[in-house]
Amino acid sequence: MTSIALAMIVVLAGGTITGCNPGTSTSSSFDWPSDGPPGGGGKLVVAGTTELASLEPGEAGSAAHAIPVMRNVFQPLLNRNTKTSAIEPLLATKWTPIDNSHWQFTLRQGVTWHDGTPLNAKTAAASLTYIWNPKLTYSSNYVSGKARFYAIDDYTLGVELGQADPLFAARMTMLPLASPTQIAQSPGTLPSHPIGTGPYEFVSWAPGQNVKLKLYEKSWQAAPGMFDTVEWTFLQESQVRAQKVQTGEADIALGTTNEQCKASAQNGARCVGVISNGIRYLRIDEYHQTTLADLRIRQAIAYAIDRKAIAAAFITPETGVANNPGSQGMVGFTSDVDFPYDPQKAAELVREAAADGADIKVPLSVKYRVDMFPNVADIAQTIVTNLKAAGLNAKVAAETEAVGLDQYRQTNQGKTIEDIPEDRGWLFLARTSSELFDFSQPASSILECDGKFSVYCEPGFTASLEAAKKLIGDERKAAMENLWKKYYAEQVPILPLTQQTDEYVISGRMQITPRADMFLPLAEARSLRQK
């Protein structure tokens, strides 16, 4: 067994936990015949959250709200089973590490992009060459180093890496393949007219209103009972989204609170809660700061926030406090670190820092993107209340999705960590995840000096992380775990808050199982068959 294969055993050892509170089930009514024409399910309406900023495959996924839409239009080579964490076939049916830097993928035959371009080794190589670009906002979460994609024969794709990469197969679950014909001939249409190989093809996008899709009947996944058309509407108020299911105006409501979800589980509708592979966290913008640069202030923030109470009041009573930048299945996850709620200790640390000259009168803004997740405004206000009780000058600062996302992307549009003003004082309330199930992913994004969401820069951390990335197996696991334990406990570069729980209200006229990665697999969705 190669070292790459050994490493993958470690990567796949963990899993995600899902839970649900079902309402009335009518699953026996979704028995469509296995033969017959695809579709027949009519129209599906999804009440989604905030607006999409772009439909471009290398950009759209940077907004969490785009993922459930775009993953039904685009597809990667491989898929992640979120129940077992195993990597499974999708556009590729087989994949093999030849050695530490060469891979081969056997592609699924009979697949076409929505513009008719056939999927083969040559076209897959062209599409992957485009998406493997660290300058693309979404792609930069998953690509690492150099990669050359090439055709070995009609349906065998070769990959040559510039370095050994034990996470390469995992990366191939996250990179969407756009039409190489579109990339070559009309790249300007990528942000507004996505063309993928998914079970649904793009119809239209009315910014601020909706995205419309239709079943791609030539899809290799097309089957009887699938919905013929899909309309994704964008509604800011979570209660309104839940009500749309109750009134029959929508079939799925995303981003509801636990209380709204449970209250909507009637008349055949059901509430499904999924503990995802992400966390909610507070990014402490300490670089170049006058107040947040003081370690005692960061420690005070960690002790001041009642994370358990926030989870119970604004998420679900079962939601756990997070002390890692990913779920329990992540390589590098450790249960040996914690900042328990201790308001007295927090106040003492603030007084101590002030006595040594720290300016605790500098305004600290708890920033968030409106409707980033349910009850985000209440969570932000609770954090502010906790910080004020510790003696800090805190306030809430809400931003629109577009403005907040731009501010959250620290290195977007030529910005660097050096550009942070000394008096900014931001504490960014956000969510992050580890789809690669490895600490190196969130660490590279939010903790390295040049991470696009990073406001932390410690050369020792970066050097240790780069060394840990080269390891495999138990050595990698131990190195990643020790790295997080050391810097979280000693530096508090970010503060994980809670697990991420997503609540879905699903009508009684459809069947679907939401995933822990927020992807709604519409290829698996079926409507209630009319008898």
Protein backbone atom coordinates (compact mmCIF):
# COMPACT_ATOMS: atom_id res chain seq x y z
CA MET A 1 0.00 0.00 0.00
CA THR A 2 1.39 3.43 -0.94
CA SER A 3 2.03 6.18 1.61
CA ILE A 4 -0.80 8.14 -0.02
CA ALA A 5 -3.23 5.28 0.52
CA LEU A 6 -2.12 4.91 4.12
CA ALA A 7 -2.73 8.60 4.71
CA MET A 8 -6.24 8.34 3.29
CA ILE A 9 -7.13 5.76 5.93
CA VAL A 10 -6.42 8.37 8.57
CA VAL A 11 -8.30 11.10 6.69
CA LEU A 12 -11.41 8.93 6.43
CA ALA A 13 -11.39 7.66 10.00
CA GLY A 14 -13.81 10.27 11.31
CA GLY A 15 -17.43 10.90 10.48
CA THR A 16 -20.12 13.51 10.90
CA ILE A 17 -23.11 13.14 13.15
CA THR A 18 -26.61 13.78 11.91
CA GLY A 19 -29.81 14.06 13.84
CA CYS A 20 -33.39 14.73 12.92
CA ASN A 21 -36.76 15.42 14.42
CA PRO A 22 -39.15 13.87 11.90
CA GLY A 23 -42.76 14.87 11.51
CA THR A 24 -45.35 12.80 9.71
CA SER A 25 -43.71 10.49 7.15
CA THR A 26 -45.27 9.53 3.85
CA SER A 27 -42.21 7.83 2.38
CA SER A 28 -44.26 4.94 0.95
CA SER A 29 -45.91 7.44 -1.39
CA PHE A 30 -42.61 8.19 -3.17
CA ASP A 31 -42.50 4.82 -4.93
CA TRP A 32 -41.82 5.76 -8.54
CA PRO A 33 -41.21 3.02 -11.13
CA SER A 34 -37.58 2.34 -11.94
CA ASP A 35 -38.29 2.51 -15.68
CA GLY A 36 -40.03 5.21 -17.65
CA PRO A 37 -39.01 8.75 -18.61
CA PRO A 38 -37.02 10.95 -16.20
CA GLY A 39 -38.79 13.62 -14.21
CA GLY A 40 -42.50 13.89 -13.70
CA GLY A 41 -42.20 15.39 -10.23
CA GLY A 42 -43.32 18.88 -11.19
CA LYS A 43 -41.86 22.03 -9.64
CA LEU A 44 -39.71 22.19 -6.51
CA VAL A 45 -39.40 25.49 -4.62
CA VAL A 46 -36.56 26.01 -2.14
CA ALA A 47 -36.75 28.96 0.24
CA GLY A 48 -33.08 29.83 0.54
CA THR A 49 -31.20 32.37 2.59
CA THR A 50 -29.17 35.36 1.42
CA GLU A 51 -28.48 36.22 -2.19
CA LEU A 52 -25.69 34.73 -4.29
CA ALA A 53 -22.91 37.07 -5.35
CA SER A 54 -21.76 35.00 -8.34
CA LEU A 55 -22.45 31.76 -10.16
CA GLU A 56 -18.84 31.34 -11.35
CA PRO A 57 -17.65 27.87 -10.28
CA GLY A 58 -14.39 29.09 -8.78
CA GLU A 59 -16.08 31.89 -6.84
CA ALA A 60 -19.67 30.99 -5.98
CA GLY A 61 -18.87 28.33 -3.40
CA SER A 62 -17.10 30.87 -1.18
CA ALA A 63 -20.57 31.89 0.00
CA ALA A 64 -22.14 29.05 1.98
CA HIS A 65 -25.56 29.89 0.56
CA ALA A 66 -24.36 29.04 -2.96
CA ILE A 67 -23.29 25.49 -2.18
CA PRO A 68 -26.71 23.76 -2.22
CA VAL A 69 -27.58 25.51 -5.47
CA MET A 70 -24.36 25.05 -7.38
CA ARG A 71 -23.60 21.45 -6.38
CA ASN A 72 -26.70 20.40 -8.32
CA VAL A 73 -25.40 22.14 -11.46
CA PHE A 74 -21.70 21.33 -11.16
CA GLN A 75 -20.10 18.05 -10.16
CA PRO A 76 -16.58 17.11 -9.04
CA LEU A 77 -14.77 13.87 -9.89
CA LEU A 78 -15.49 12.30 -6.50
CA ASN A 79 -18.08 12.54 -3.76
CA ARG A 80 -17.90 12.45 0.03
CA ASN A 81 -20.28 10.19 1.94
CA THR A 82 -21.04 12.47 4.89
CA LYS A 83 -22.35 9.61 7.02
CA THR A 84 -19.24 7.41 6.76
CA SER A 85 -16.72 10.06 5.58
CA ALA A 86 -15.72 7.67 2.79
CA ILE A 87 -14.81 9.05 -0.64
CA GLU A 88 -17.05 7.60 -3.36
CA PRO A 89 -17.27 7.67 -7.18
CA LEU A 90 -19.03 10.46 -9.05
CA LEU A 91 -17.68 11.65 -12.42
CA ALA A 92 -14.77 9.28 -11.84
CA THR A 93 -15.57 5.62 -11.19
CA LYS A 94 -12.06 4.62 -10.08
CA TRP A 95 -8.99 6.48 -8.80
CA THR A 96 -5.53 5.20 -8.07
CA PRO A 97 -2.37 6.81 -6.63
CA ILE A 98 0.43 5.54 -8.88
CA ASP A 99 3.09 6.97 -6.60
CA ASN A 100 3.39 9.96 -4.27
CA SER A 101 2.93 12.49 -7.06
CA HIS A 102 0.98 10.71 -9.83
CA TRP A 103 -2.71 9.72 -9.93
CA GLN A 104 -5.02 8.11 -12.46
CA PHE A 105 -8.80 8.51 -12.69
CA THR A 106 -11.15 6.34 -14.75
CA LEU A 107 -13.97 8.59 -15.93
CA ARG A 108 -17.64 7.73 -16.16
CA GLN A 109 -18.72 7.23 -19.77
CA GLY A 110 -21.82 8.75 -21.35
CA VAL A 111 -21.65 12.04 -19.39
CA THR A 112 -22.02 15.43 -21.07
CA TRP A 113 -21.99 19.01 -19.90
CA HIS A 114 -25.25 20.88 -20.36
CA ASP A 115 -23.91 22.49 -23.56
CA GLY A 116 -23.35 19.04 -25.10
CA THR A 117 -19.60 18.88 -24.52
CA PRO A 118 -18.72 15.21 -23.80
CA LEU A 119 -16.88 14.32 -20.63
CA ASN A 120 -13.66 12.53 -21.48
CA ALA A 121 -10.08 12.67 -20.29
CA LYS A 122 -9.20 15.60 -22.55
CA THR A 123 -12.17 17.78 -21.59
CA ALA A 124 -11.89 16.86 -17.89
CA ALA A 125 -8.21 17.87 -17.97
CA ALA A 126 -9.11 21.26 -19.48
CA SER A 127 -11.82 21.89 -16.87
CA LEU A 128 -9.61 20.88 -13.94
CA THR A 129 -6.73 23.00 -15.23
CA TYR A 130 -9.05 25.99 -15.02
CA ILE A 131 -10.43 25.29 -11.55
CA TRP A 132 -7.03 24.36 -10.03
CA ASN A 133 -6.22 28.00 -9.41
CA PRO A 134 -5.38 29.42 -5.97
CA LYS A 135 -6.39 32.89 -7.20
CA LEU A 136 -10.03 31.85 -7.47
CA THR A 137 -11.79 32.54 -4.18
CA TYR A 138 -13.52 29.19 -3.81
CA SER A 139 -10.75 27.08 -5.34
CA SER A 140 -8.15 28.53 -3.01
CA ASN A 141 -9.82 26.67 -0.13
CA TYR A 142 -8.87 23.36 -1.68
CA VAL A 143 -5.96 23.55 -4.14
CA SER A 144 -2.39 23.16 -2.99
CA GLY A 145 0.81 23.37 -5.02
CA LYS A 146 1.05 22.64 -8.74
CA ALA A 147 -0.89 20.02 -10.67
CA ARG A 148 -0.86 18.99 -14.33
CA PHE A 149 -3.93 17.22 -15.74
CA TYR A 150 -3.64 15.23 -18.97
CA ALA A 151 -5.35 12.52 -21.01
CA ILE A 152 -3.82 9.03 -20.95
CA ASP A 153 -6.56 7.59 -23.18
CA ASP A 154 -10.18 8.52 -23.90
CA TYR A 155 -11.45 7.89 -20.37
CA THR A 156 -8.28 7.72 -18.28
CA LEU A 157 -7.22 11.02 -16.73
CA GLY A 158 -3.67 11.44 -15.46
CA VAL A 159 -2.50 13.87 -12.81
CA GLU A 160 1.05 14.90 -12.05
CA LEU A 161 1.51 16.81 -8.79
CA GLY A 162 4.38 19.10 -7.99
CA GLN A 163 4.61 17.48 -4.57
CA ALA A 164 3.22 14.54 -2.61
CA ASP A 165 -0.31 15.27 -1.42
CA PRO A 166 -2.10 12.80 0.90
CA LEU A 167 -5.29 14.90 0.58
CA PHE A 168 -5.49 14.91 -3.20
CA ALA A 169 -8.47 12.53 -3.48
CA ALA A 170 -10.30 14.61 -0.87
CA ARG A 171 -9.62 17.75 -2.91
CA MET A 172 -11.26 16.08 -5.90
CA THR A 173 -14.55 15.94 -3.96
CA MET A 174 -14.66 19.73 -3.79
CA LEU A 175 -13.60 21.09 -7.20
CA PRO A 176 -16.51 21.53 -9.66
CA LEU A 177 -15.98 20.83 -13.34
CA ALA A 178 -17.26 23.65 -15.56
CA SER A 179 -17.68 23.25 -19.30
CA PRO A 180 -14.27 23.50 -21.00
CA THR A 181 -16.04 24.79 -24.12
CA GLN A 182 -17.45 27.69 -22.12
CA ILE A 183 -14.10 28.31 -20.43
CA ALA A 184 -12.34 28.48 -23.80
CA GLN A 185 -14.94 30.27 -25.91
CA SER A 186 -17.01 32.47 -23.58
CA PRO A 187 -15.30 32.84 -20.18
CA GLY A 188 -17.16 36.09 -19.58
CA THR A 189 -20.39 34.13 -19.11
CA LEU A 190 -19.04 31.99 -16.24
CA PRO A 191 -20.30 34.30 -13.45
CA SER A 192 -23.83 34.49 -14.84
CA HIS A 193 -24.54 31.27 -16.76
CA PRO A 194 -23.06 28.15 -15.12
CA ILE A 195 -22.68 25.05 -17.30
CA GLY A 196 -21.96 21.82 -15.47
CA THR A 197 -22.63 18.08 -15.66
CA GLY A 198 -25.10 17.98 -12.75
CA PRO A 199 -28.63 16.61 -12.79
CA TYR A 200 -30.04 20.13 -13.13
CA GLU A 201 -29.11 22.77 -15.67
CA PHE A 202 -29.22 26.52 -15.25
CA VAL A 203 -32.18 28.48 -16.64
CA SER A 204 -32.03 31.99 -15.19
CA TRP A 205 -30.83 34.16 -12.33
CA ALA A 206 -32.74 37.22 -11.14
CA PRO A 207 -30.36 38.81 -8.59
CA GLY A 208 -32.11 39.41 -5.30
CA GLN A 209 -35.00 37.16 -6.28
CA ASN A 210 -34.28 33.65 -7.49
CA VAL A 211 -32.28 31.11 -9.44
CA LYS A 212 -34.20 28.74 -11.73
CA LEU A 213 -33.02 25.30 -12.82
CA LYS A 214 -34.52 22.50 -14.88
CA LEU A 215 -33.91 18.78 -15.01
CA TYR A 216 -31.17 17.86 -17.47
CA GLU A 217 -32.87 14.84 -18.99
CA LYS A 218 -29.61 13.58 -20.56
CA SER A 219 -27.96 13.45 -17.13
CA TRP A 220 -26.60 10.06 -16.14
CA GLN A 221 -28.50 10.57 -12.87
CA ALA A 222 -31.88 11.50 -14.40
CA ALA A 223 -34.63 9.19 -13.11
CA PRO A 224 -38.41 8.94 -12.84
CA GLY A 225 -39.85 10.97 -9.98
CA MET A 226 -37.21 13.71 -10.03
CA PHE A 227 -38.47 17.28 -10.09
CA ASP A 228 -38.81 18.84 -13.55
CA THR A 229 -37.97 22.38 -12.46
CA VAL A 230 -36.40 23.96 -9.39
CA GLU A 231 -36.77 27.54 -8.18
CA TRP A 232 -34.43 28.80 -5.48
CA THR A 233 -35.91 31.90 -3.87
CA PHE A 234 -33.94 34.15 -1.51
CA LEU A 235 -35.73 35.34 1.61
CA GLN A 236 -33.88 37.08 4.42
CA GLU A 237 -36.29 36.29 7.28
CA SER A 238 -36.03 32.72 8.59
CA GLN A 239 -39.62 32.77 9.88
CA VAL A 240 -40.87 33.72 6.43
CA ARG A 241 -38.93 30.82 4.90
CA ALA A 242 -40.53 28.35 7.34
CA GLN A 243 -43.99 29.79 6.68
CA LYS A 244 -43.57 29.29 2.94
CA VAL A 245 -43.51 25.52 3.51
CA GLN A 246 -46.58 25.71 5.74
CA THR A 247 -48.56 27.65 3.14
CA GLY A 248 -47.50 25.33 0.34
CA GLU A 249 -45.48 28.02 -1.44
CA ALA A 250 -42.19 26.16 -0.88
CA ASP A 251 -41.09 22.57 -0.40
CA ILE A 252 -37.86 23.17 1.54
CA ALA A 253 -36.90 25.99 3.90
CA LEU A 254 -33.22 26.46 4.66
CA GLY A 255 -31.63 28.25 7.60
CA THR A 256 -34.50 28.21 10.08
CA THR A 257 -34.08 28.31 13.83
CA ASN A 258 -34.62 25.13 15.81
CA GLU A 259 -37.87 26.49 17.24
CA GLN A 260 -39.20 27.54 13.83
CA CYS A 261 -38.25 24.19 12.36
CA LYS A 262 -40.00 22.17 15.07
CA ALA A 263 -43.08 24.37 14.97
CA SER A 264 -43.35 23.77 11.22
CA ALA A 265 -43.33 19.96 11.55
CA GLN A 266 -47.06 19.53 11.03
CA ASN A 267 -49.50 18.61 8.25
CA GLY A 268 -46.98 16.18 6.81
CA ALA A 269 -44.01 18.57 6.95
CA ARG A 270 -40.97 17.50 8.94
CA CYS A 271 -38.05 19.17 10.65
CA VAL A 272 -34.62 17.76 9.90
CA GLY A 273 -31.61 18.93 11.89
CA VAL A 274 -28.10 18.12 10.66
CA ILE A 275 -24.90 18.64 12.62
CA SER A 276 -22.51 19.72 9.89
CA ASN A 277 -18.77 19.41 9.55
CA GLY A 278 -18.35 23.10 10.36
CA ILE A 279 -18.28 25.42 13.35
CA ARG A 280 -19.32 28.93 14.22
CA TYR A 281 -16.37 30.93 15.40
CA LEU A 282 -15.07 34.36 16.27
CA ARG A 283 -12.14 35.63 14.24
CA ILE A 284 -10.05 37.88 16.48
CA ASP A 285 -8.45 40.43 14.17
CA GLU A 286 -5.30 40.87 16.14
CA TYR A 287 -2.68 41.69 13.52
CA HIS A 288 -1.51 45.34 13.69
CA GLN A 289 -4.06 46.00 16.42
CA THR A 290 -3.58 48.12 19.52
CA THR A 291 -5.89 46.24 21.88
CA LEU A 292 -6.47 42.78 20.40
CA ALA A 293 -2.72 42.22 20.00
CA ASP A 294 -2.50 41.87 23.79
CA LEU A 295 -2.71 38.15 24.60
CA ARG A 296 -4.54 38.86 27.86
CA ILE A 297 -7.32 40.63 25.94
CA ARG A 298 -7.72 37.64 23.61
CA GLN A 299 -7.76 35.28 26.58
CA ALA A 300 -10.32 37.52 28.30
CA ILE A 301 -12.55 37.32 25.21
CA ALA A 302 -12.32 33.52 25.30
CA TYR A 303 -13.26 33.31 28.99
CA ALA A 304 -15.93 36.04 28.76
CA ILE A 305 -18.19 34.43 26.17
CA ASP A 306 -20.75 31.96 27.48
CA ARG A 307 -20.62 29.60 24.52
CA LYS A 308 -22.73 26.89 26.10
CA ALA A 309 -25.54 29.35 26.84
CA ILE A 310 -25.36 30.72 23.28
CA ALA A 311 -25.71 27.20 21.85
CA ALA A 312 -28.66 26.36 24.11
CA ALA A 313 -30.49 29.64 23.56
CA PHE A 314 -29.90 30.29 19.86
CA ILE A 315 -29.08 26.97 18.18
CA THR A 316 -30.30 23.78 19.91
CA PRO A 317 -29.93 22.45 23.46
CA GLU A 318 -27.97 19.53 21.98
CA THR A 319 -25.46 21.70 20.14
CA GLY A 320 -22.01 21.38 21.64
CA VAL A 321 -19.35 23.99 22.38
CA ALA A 322 -16.51 23.90 19.83
CA ASN A 323 -12.82 24.02 20.69
CA ASN A 324 -11.52 22.98 17.27
CA PRO A 325 -11.78 24.59 13.82
CA GLY A 326 -13.55 21.51 12.46
CA SER A 327 -15.64 18.48 13.36
CA GLN A 328 -14.57 15.48 15.40
CA GLY A 329 -13.57 13.52 12.30
CA MET A 330 -10.92 16.10 11.35
CA VAL A 331 -7.27 15.04 11.46
CA GLY A 332 -5.86 17.24 14.22
CA PHE A 333 -9.03 17.34 16.32
CA THR A 334 -8.27 17.32 20.03
CA SER A 335 -10.41 17.22 23.15
CA ASP A 336 -7.61 18.50 25.37
CA VAL A 337 -8.22 22.25 25.01
CA ASP A 338 -10.94 24.51 26.37
CA PHE A 339 -11.68 28.02 27.59
CA PRO A 340 -14.52 27.50 30.07
CA TYR A 341 -16.89 30.36 30.75
CA ASP A 342 -15.29 32.38 33.56
CA PRO A 343 -16.44 36.03 33.60
CA GLN A 344 -14.43 36.81 36.73
CA LYS A 345 -11.19 35.62 35.16
CA ALA A 346 -12.03 37.55 31.99
CA ALA A 347 -12.49 40.79 33.94
CA GLU A 348 -9.25 40.23 35.83
CA LEU A 349 -7.30 39.76 32.57
CA VAL A 350 -8.80 42.96 31.15
CA ARG A 351 -7.85 44.94 34.25
CA GLU A 352 -4.35 43.49 34.18
CA ALA A 353 -3.87 44.40 30.52
CA ALA A 354 -5.21 47.92 31.11
CA ALA A 355 -2.82 48.41 34.03
CA ASP A 356 0.06 47.64 31.66
CA GLY A 357 -1.10 50.19 29.11
CA ALA A 358 -3.57 48.34 26.88
CA ASP A 359 -6.20 50.78 25.61
CA ILE A 360 -9.44 49.01 26.51
CA LYS A 361 -11.49 52.02 25.36
CA VAL A 362 -10.80 51.17 21.69
CA PRO A 363 -14.16 50.11 20.16
CA LEU A 364 -14.33 46.41 19.36
CA SER A 365 -16.89 45.64 16.65
CA VAL A 366 -18.50 42.20 16.62
CA LYS A 367 -19.13 42.00 12.87
CA TYR A 368 -21.32 39.56 10.99
CA ARG A 369 -23.00 39.08 7.63
CA VAL A 370 -26.78 39.49 7.86
CA ASP A 371 -28.50 36.08 7.96
CA MET A 372 -25.17 34.23 7.78
CA PHE A 373 -26.93 31.67 9.96
CA PRO A 374 -30.10 31.68 12.09
CA ASN A 375 -30.09 33.99 15.11
CA VAL A 376 -26.75 35.46 14.09
CA ALA A 377 -27.83 38.94 15.27
CA ASP A 378 -28.84 37.60 18.71
CA ILE A 379 -25.58 35.67 19.01
CA ALA A 380 -23.58 38.79 18.13
CA GLN A 381 -25.49 40.87 20.69
CA THR A 382 -24.93 38.24 23.39
CA ILE A 383 -21.20 38.26 22.67
CA VAL A 384 -21.19 42.05 22.97
CA THR A 385 -22.99 41.82 26.31
CA ASN A 386 -20.45 39.28 27.57
CA LEU A 387 -17.52 41.44 26.46
CA LYS A 388 -18.94 44.57 28.05
CA ALA A 389 -19.35 42.67 31.33
CA ALA A 390 -15.62 41.91 31.18
CA GLY A 391 -14.80 45.62 30.80
CA LEU A 392 -14.30 45.83 27.04
CA ASN A 393 -15.82 48.48 24.76
CA ALA A 394 -17.80 46.30 22.34
CA LYS A 395 -20.59 46.93 19.84
CA VAL A 396 -22.44 45.08 17.08
CA ALA A 397 -21.74 45.79 13.40
CA ALA A 398 -23.97 44.08 10.81
CA GLU A 399 -23.03 43.98 7.12
CA THR A 400 -24.78 42.87 3.95
CA GLU A 401 -23.64 39.60 2.41
CA ALA A 402 -21.62 41.34 -0.32
CA VAL A 403 -19.92 43.89 1.96
CA GLY A 404 -19.35 41.43 4.78
CA LEU A 405 -17.88 38.79 2.49
CA ASP A 406 -15.49 41.34 1.02
CA GLN A 407 -14.39 42.39 4.52
CA TYR A 408 -14.06 38.78 5.62
CA ARG A 409 -11.77 38.01 2.66
CA GLN A 410 -8.73 39.62 4.16
CA THR A 411 -6.54 39.11 1.08
CA ASN A 412 -9.24 39.79 -1.53
CA GLN A 413 -8.51 42.15 -4.45
CA GLY A 414 -4.88 42.70 -3.65
CA LYS A 415 -5.26 43.28 0.10
CA THR A 416 -2.71 41.78 2.47
CA ILE A 417 -2.58 41.30 6.20
CA GLU A 418 -0.25 44.31 6.34
CA ASP A 419 -3.12 46.55 5.24
CA ILE A 420 -5.12 46.09 8.46
CA PRO A 421 -5.43 49.48 10.24
CA GLU A 422 -4.13 49.57 13.80
CA ASP A 423 -7.39 50.87 15.24
CA ARG A 424 -9.80 48.56 13.39
CA GLY A 425 -10.75 46.30 16.30
CA TRP A 426 -12.86 43.72 14.50
CA LEU A 427 -14.18 40.46 15.95
CA PHE A 428 -15.71 38.64 12.97
CA LEU A 429 -18.55 36.21 13.71
CA ALA A 430 -18.53 33.61 10.96
CA ARG A 431 -18.58 29.92 10.13
CA THR A 432 -15.84 27.70 8.78
CA SER A 433 -15.55 24.03 7.93
CA SER A 434 -13.12 21.28 7.04
CA GLU A 435 -14.47 19.45 4.00
CA LEU A 436 -11.06 17.81 3.58
CA PHE A 437 -11.31 16.50 7.17
CA ASP A 438 -7.83 17.80 7.92
CA PHE A 439 -6.70 20.66 10.16
CA SER A 440 -4.45 21.98 7.41
CA GLN A 441 -7.49 23.22 5.46
CA PRO A 442 -8.93 25.74 7.95
CA ALA A 443 -5.44 26.52 9.20
CA SER A 444 -4.23 27.50 5.73
CA SER A 445 -7.27 29.68 5.23
CA ILE A 446 -7.61 31.52 8.56
CA LEU A 447 -4.32 31.06 10.44
CA GLU A 448 -1.45 31.36 7.98
CA CYS A 449 0.01 34.77 7.22
CA ASP A 450 -1.25 34.76 3.63
CA GLY A 451 -4.52 32.93 4.27
CA LYS A 452 -7.29 34.80 2.51
CA PHE A 453 -9.36 34.99 5.71
CA SER A 454 -6.40 35.32 8.06
CA VAL A 455 -5.70 38.14 10.48
CA TYR A 456 -3.09 36.10 12.33
CA CYS A 457 0.58 35.84 11.37
CA GLU A 458 3.02 33.80 13.44
CA PRO A 459 6.08 32.50 11.51
CA GLY A 460 6.51 29.65 13.98
CA PHE A 461 2.99 28.46 13.36
CA THR A 462 3.35 28.63 9.58
CA ALA A 463 6.64 26.73 9.64
CA SER A 464 5.21 24.02 11.88
CA LEU A 465 2.08 23.72 9.73
CA GLU A 466 4.10 23.35 6.53
CA ALA A 467 6.17 20.62 8.17
CA ALA A 468 3.04 18.82 9.37
CA LYS A 469 1.52 18.90 5.87
CA LYS A 470 4.34 16.65 4.64
CA LEU A 471 3.56 13.90 7.14
CA ILE A 472 1.17 10.99 6.80
CA GLY A 473 -0.64 8.57 9.07
CA ASP A 474 -0.27 8.77 12.83
CA GLU A 475 2.62 11.24 12.56
CA ARG A 476 0.45 13.70 10.67
CA LYS A 477 -2.42 13.26 13.11
CA ALA A 478 -0.17 13.88 16.15
CA ALA A 479 1.59 16.87 14.57
CA MET A 480 -1.67 18.59 13.57
CA GLU A 481 -3.18 17.94 16.99
CA ASN A 482 -0.16 19.30 18.85
CA LEU A 483 0.00 22.35 16.60
CA TRP A 484 -3.61 23.33 17.34
CA LYS A 485 -3.30 22.61 21.07
CA LYS A 486 -0.19 24.75 21.38
CA TYR A 487 -1.35 27.82 19.47
CA TYR A 488 -4.98 27.79 20.55
CA ALA A 489 -4.08 27.55 24.22
CA GLU A 490 -1.15 29.96 24.09
CA GLN A 491 -2.20 32.50 21.44
CA VAL A 492 -6.01 32.32 20.98
CA PRO A 493 -5.75 33.30 17.29
CA ILE A 494 -9.45 32.50 16.80
CA LEU A 495 -12.19 31.41 19.18
CA PRO A 496 -14.33 28.44 18.11
CA LEU A 497 -17.83 28.95 19.51
CA THR A 498 -20.21 26.09 18.76
CA GLN A 499 -20.87 23.21 16.44
CA GLN A 500 -22.73 24.15 13.28
CA THR A 501 -26.27 22.81 13.13
CA ASP A 502 -28.43 23.35 10.05
CA GLU A 503 -32.21 23.05 10.26
CA TYR A 504 -34.43 22.18 7.28
CA VAL A 505 -38.21 22.30 7.01
CA ILE A 506 -39.27 19.77 4.36
CA SER A 507 -42.82 19.47 3.03
CA GLY A 508 -44.74 16.22 2.99
CA ARG A 509 -44.88 16.16 -0.80
CA MET A 510 -41.19 15.40 -1.28
CA GLN A 511 -38.42 13.16 -0.10
CA ILE A 512 -34.79 14.20 0.35
CA THR A 513 -32.00 13.74 2.90
CA PRO A 514 -29.90 16.87 3.58
CA ARG A 515 -26.20 16.29 4.06
CA ALA A 516 -23.71 17.43 6.68
CA ASP A 517 -21.93 19.58 4.06
CA MET A 518 -25.08 21.64 3.30
CA PHE A 519 -25.40 20.03 -0.13
CA LEU A 520 -29.02 19.23 -1.06
CA PRO A 521 -28.70 16.26 -3.46
CA LEU A 522 -31.61 16.86 -5.82
CA ALA A 523 -30.66 13.75 -7.82
CA GLU A 524 -31.94 11.83 -4.79
CA ALA A 525 -35.07 13.97 -4.30
CA ARG A 526 -38.45 12.57 -5.28
CA SER A 527 -41.89 14.11 -5.35
CA LEU A 528 -45.07 12.51 -4.07
CA ARG A 529 -46.41 10.41 -6.93
CA GLN A 530 -49.98 11.21 -7.89
CA LYS A 531 -52.09 8.07 -7.97
